[in-house]
C-alpha atoms as a PDB file:
ATOM      1  CA  MET A   1       0.000   0.000   0.000  1.00  0.00           C
ATOM      2  CA  PHE A   2       1.268   3.454  -0.926  1.00  0.00           C
ATOM      3  CA  ASN A   3       2.184   5.547   2.073  1.00  0.00           C
ATOM      4  CA  TRP A   4       2.580   9.298   1.503  1.00  0.00           C
ATOM      5  CA  ARG A   5       3.970   9.828   5.000  1.00  0.00           C
ATOM      6  CA  ASN A   6       7.262   8.138   4.135  1.00  0.00           C
ATOM      7  CA  ALA A   7       7.862  10.337   1.088  1.00  0.00           C
ATOM      8  CA  ILE A   8       6.787  13.510   2.873  1.00  0.00           C
ATOM      9  CA  GLY A   9       8.909  12.609   5.885  1.00  0.00           C
ATOM     10  CA  LEU A  10      11.985  12.153   3.721  1.00  0.00           C
ATOM     11  CA  THR A  11      11.423  15.547   2.109  1.00  0.00           C
ATOM     12  CA  VAL A  12      10.829  17.231   5.466  1.00  0.00           C
ATOM     13  CA  ILE A  13      14.040  15.795   6.908  1.00  0.00           C
ATOM     14  CA  PHE A  14      16.167  17.294   4.128  1.00  0.00           C
ATOM     15  CA  GLY A  15      14.209  20.536   4.292  1.00  0.00           C
ATOM     16  CA  PHE A  16      14.818  20.760   8.037  1.00  0.00           C
ATOM     17  CA  VAL A  17      18.531  20.113   7.558  1.00  0.00           C
ATOM     18  CA  ALA A  18      18.648  22.862   4.894  1.00  0.00           C
ATOM     19  CA  VAL A  19      16.964  25.389   7.198  1.00  0.00           C
ATOM     20  CA  LEU A  20      19.203  24.328  10.084  1.00  0.00           C
ATOM     21  CA  TYR A  21      22.274  24.711   7.868  1.00  0.00           C
ATOM     22  CA  ALA A  22      21.243  28.208   6.780  1.00  0.00           C
ATOM     23  CA  GLY A  23      20.387  29.214  10.348  1.00  0.00           C
ATOM     24  CA  LEU A  24      23.577  27.917  11.925  1.00  0.00           C
ATOM     25  CA  TRP A  25      25.739  29.397   9.186  1.00  0.00           C
ATOM     26  CA  GLN A  26      25.539  32.817  10.834  1.00  0.00           C
ATOM     27  CA  PHE A  27      26.982  31.409  14.081  1.00  0.00           C
ATOM     28  CA  VAL A  28      29.719  29.303  12.471  1.00  0.00           C
ATOM     29  CA  ASN A  29      30.855  31.705   9.739  1.00  0.00           C
ATOM     30  CA  PRO A  30      33.609  34.124  10.813  1.00  0.00           C
ATOM     31  CA  THR A  31      32.414  36.748   8.299  1.00  0.00           C
ATOM     32  CA  PRO A  32      28.670  37.177   8.932  1.00  0.00           C
ATOM     33  CA  THR A  33      28.165  39.273   5.793  1.00  0.00           C
ATOM     34  CA  ALA A  34      28.814  36.248   3.563  1.00  0.00           C
ATOM     35  CA  ILE A  35      25.986  33.714   3.713  1.00  0.00           C
ATOM     36  CA  ASP A  36      26.419  30.398   1.945  1.00  0.00           C
ATOM     37  CA  TRP A  37      23.159  30.128   0.004  1.00  0.00           C
ATOM     38  CA  THR A  38      24.606  27.419  -2.231  1.00  0.00           C
ATOM     39  CA  GLY A  39      24.506  24.820   0.537  1.00  0.00           C
ATOM     40  CA  PHE A  40      20.957  25.777   1.473  1.00  0.00           C
ATOM     41  CA  VAL A  41      19.732  25.544  -2.124  1.00  0.00           C
ATOM     42  CA  LEU A  42      21.582  22.244  -2.626  1.00  0.00           C
ATOM     43  CA  LEU A  43      20.075  20.647   0.484  1.00  0.00           C
ATOM     44  CA  ALA A  44      16.573  21.932  -0.287  1.00  0.00           C
ATOM     45  CA  SER A  45      16.813  20.678  -3.887  1.00  0.00           C
ATOM     46  CA  LEU A  46      18.088  17.329  -2.654  1.00  0.00           C
ATOM     47  CA  GLY A  47      15.113  17.045  -0.323  1.00  0.00           C
ATOM     48  CA  ILE A  48      12.648  17.786  -3.106  1.00  0.00           C
ATOM     49  CA  ALA A  49      14.385  15.351  -5.467  1.00  0.00           C
ATOM     50  CA  MET A  50      14.559  12.588  -2.853  1.00  0.00           C
ATOM     51  CA  GLY A  51      10.891  13.010  -1.990  1.00  0.00           C
ATOM     52  CA  PHE A  52       9.867  12.947  -5.644  1.00  0.00           C
ATOM     53  CA  GLY A  53      12.047   9.914  -6.344  1.00  0.00           C
ATOM     54  CA  PHE A  54      10.651   8.105  -3.323  1.00  0.00           C
ATOM     55  CA  ILE A  55       7.093   8.817  -4.492  1.00  0.00           C
ATOM     56  CA  VAL A  56       7.906   7.429  -7.938  1.00  0.00           C
ATOM     57  CA  LEU A  57       9.488   4.296  -6.451  1.00  0.00           C
ATOM     58  CA  LEU A  58       6.558   3.664  -4.129  1.00  0.00           C
ATOM     59  CA  LYS A  59       3.973   4.217  -6.861  1.00  0.00           C
ATOM     60  CA  SER A  60       5.770   1.954  -9.342  1.00  0.00           C
ATOM     61  CA  SER A  61       6.318  -0.837  -6.806  1.00  0.00           C
ATOM     62  CA  ARG A  62       2.602  -0.807  -6.047  1.00  0.00           C
ATOM     63  CA  GLU A  63       1.787  -1.635  -9.650  1.00  0.00           C
ATOM     64  CA  LEU A  64       4.029  -4.742  -9.692  1.00  0.00           C
END
């Protein structure tokens, strides 16, 4: 049976890590004027891609 909670949970985990990374960057970075948006965008994109891929895998395995 297809379970949306697993796919949404995977996406939320990566999204949370991306927000945590962007939030903690101000405390870790010695020059607070430079914010690393590349890491935030990469982690957020990875979360979206992993969630979408997980949805596709779950939907296709249901049809087998």
